[in-house]
Protein backbone atom coordinates (compact mmCIF):
# COMPACT_ATOMS: atom_id res chain seq x y z
CA MET A 1 81.39 110.30 89.08
CA LEU A 2 84.61 108.10 88.42
CA ARG A 3 83.96 108.11 84.96
CA GLY A 4 85.75 110.30 82.72
CA CYS A 5 89.34 111.95 82.21
CA TRP A 6 91.35 113.30 85.06
CA ILE A 7 94.58 115.54 85.27
CA GLU A 8 97.17 116.27 87.84
CA ARG A 9 100.27 118.45 87.66
CA ARG A 10 103.18 117.29 90.16
CA GLY A 11 106.21 119.52 90.07
CA ALA A 12 107.34 119.50 86.31
CA ASP A 13 105.20 116.09 85.66
CA THR A 14 102.12 115.90 84.29
CA LEU A 15 99.67 112.76 85.07
CA THR A 16 96.50 111.88 83.43
CA MET A 17 93.90 109.52 84.22
CA ARG A 18 91.10 107.75 82.60
CA TRP A 19 88.05 105.64 84.17
CA PHE A 20 85.49 103.83 81.99
CA PRO A 21 83.05 101.09 81.85
CA ASP A 22 84.12 98.00 80.01
CA GLY A 23 81.28 95.17 80.51
CA ALA A 24 81.20 94.27 84.14
CA PHE A 25 84.21 96.01 85.10
CA TRP A 26 85.35 99.76 85.37
CA ARG A 27 88.92 100.26 83.47
CA GLY A 28 91.41 102.53 84.60
CA GLU A 29 94.36 103.74 82.76
CA TRP A 30 97.25 106.11 84.43
CA ILE A 31 100.22 107.81 82.66
CA ARG A 32 102.93 110.10 83.97
CA TYR A 33 104.32 112.52 81.06
CA PRO A 34 107.92 113.49 82.38
CA ALA A 35 109.03 116.94 81.92
CA GLY A 36 111.66 117.27 79.23
CA ALA A 37 112.45 114.11 77.24
CA GLY A 38 111.35 110.71 77.93
CA ALA A 39 108.56 108.11 77.53
CA PRO A 40 105.60 107.95 79.16
CA GLU A 41 105.23 105.81 82.42
CA THR A 42 101.76 103.73 82.04
CA ALA A 43 99.73 101.41 84.70
CA ARG A 44 96.34 99.93 83.91
CA TYR A 45 93.75 99.24 86.50
CA ARG A 46 90.38 97.51 86.67
CA ILE A 47 87.59 97.62 89.48
CA ALA A 48 85.61 93.94 89.78
CA GLU A 49 83.07 93.08 92.48
CA THR A 50 84.07 89.66 93.53
CA PRO A 51 82.17 87.09 95.78
CA ALA A 52 84.52 89.35 98.68
CA GLY A 53 83.25 92.74 97.49
CA TRP A 54 84.63 95.50 95.42
CA GLN A 55 88.43 95.14 94.73
CA VAL A 56 90.66 97.24 92.38
CA CYS A 57 93.33 95.42 90.68
CA GLY A 58 96.49 96.21 88.63
CA ALA A 59 95.74 95.20 84.86
CA ARG A 60 97.57 92.30 85.00
CA GLU A 61 96.07 91.40 88.34
CA ASP A 62 99.47 91.06 89.49
CA ARG A 63 98.20 93.25 92.47
CA CYS A 64 94.82 93.62 93.92
CA TRP A 65 93.45 95.94 96.82
CA PRO A 66 90.05 95.87 98.53
CA LEU A 67 88.29 99.03 97.15
CA ASP A 68 87.62 101.81 99.48
CA VAL A 69 85.57 104.68 98.83
CA THR A 70 85.95 106.96 101.62
CA LEU A 71 89.04 108.88 102.75
CA PRO A 72 90.85 107.48 105.50
CA THR A 73 91.13 109.05 108.90
CA LEU A 74 93.64 108.47 111.58
CA ALA A 75 91.73 106.92 113.25
CA ASP A 76 91.83 103.69 110.45
CA ASP A 77 93.90 100.98 111.52
CA PRO A 78 93.13 99.35 108.04
CA PRO A 79 94.32 96.22 105.91
CA GLU A 80 96.33 97.43 103.00
CA ARG A 81 93.37 98.69 100.65
CA MET A 82 93.27 101.29 97.73
CA THR A 83 90.80 104.36 98.18
CA VAL A 84 89.25 105.75 95.04
CA TRP A 85 87.28 108.85 95.80
CA ALA A 86 85.43 110.97 92.74
CA SER A 87 83.02 114.19 92.82
CA GLU A 88 82.01 116.12 90.00
CA THR A 89 85.59 118.18 90.07
CA ALA A 90 88.43 116.27 91.96
CA LEU A 91 89.60 112.42 92.04
CA HIS A 92 91.66 111.24 94.49
CA VAL A 93 93.70 107.89 94.24
CA GLU A 94 95.49 106.51 97.06
CA ILE A 95 96.72 102.84 98.43
CA ASN A 96 96.96 102.73 101.96
CA ALA A 97 98.78 100.75 104.46
CA ARG A 98 99.26 100.01 108.19
CA ASP A 99 102.80 102.27 107.31
CA GLY A 100 100.99 104.99 105.53
CA ALA A 101 99.30 106.46 102.11
CA ASP A 102 100.71 106.25 98.53
CA VAL A 103 99.08 108.88 96.44
CA VAL A 104 98.75 107.48 92.85
CA PHE A 105 96.54 110.26 91.99
CA ARG A 106 94.94 113.61 93.41
CA GLY A 107 93.80 115.81 90.47
CA ALA A 108 90.59 117.73 88.43
CA ARG A 109 88.33 116.35 85.88
CA ASP A 110 89.78 117.31 82.59
CA GLY A 111 88.36 116.87 78.80
CA CYS A 112 88.48 113.20 77.09
CA ASP A 113 90.48 113.86 73.46
């Protein structure tokens, strides 16, 4: 379900996310296009299986999180992790920690150019 292109409208900004297999990994690219003038902001991710389980890392692997594929509930008391949830029509990506959740992306499927 993760494979493909996604789009989110966040206020006046437009965010896109693309996910594709890349050998034994999944590679993802997040782009925020600001309203008006300004250069796009980008971030890259990689999902890979490790001896400790699946994890998501920034492209330079300067930051990694265990991969969680279920949406957290109020009863969860998790270690820091990244949640990636995809369906036919929606993608939700967030970083969860004891102090709350940081939504990275929450959008809908889009056609790839």
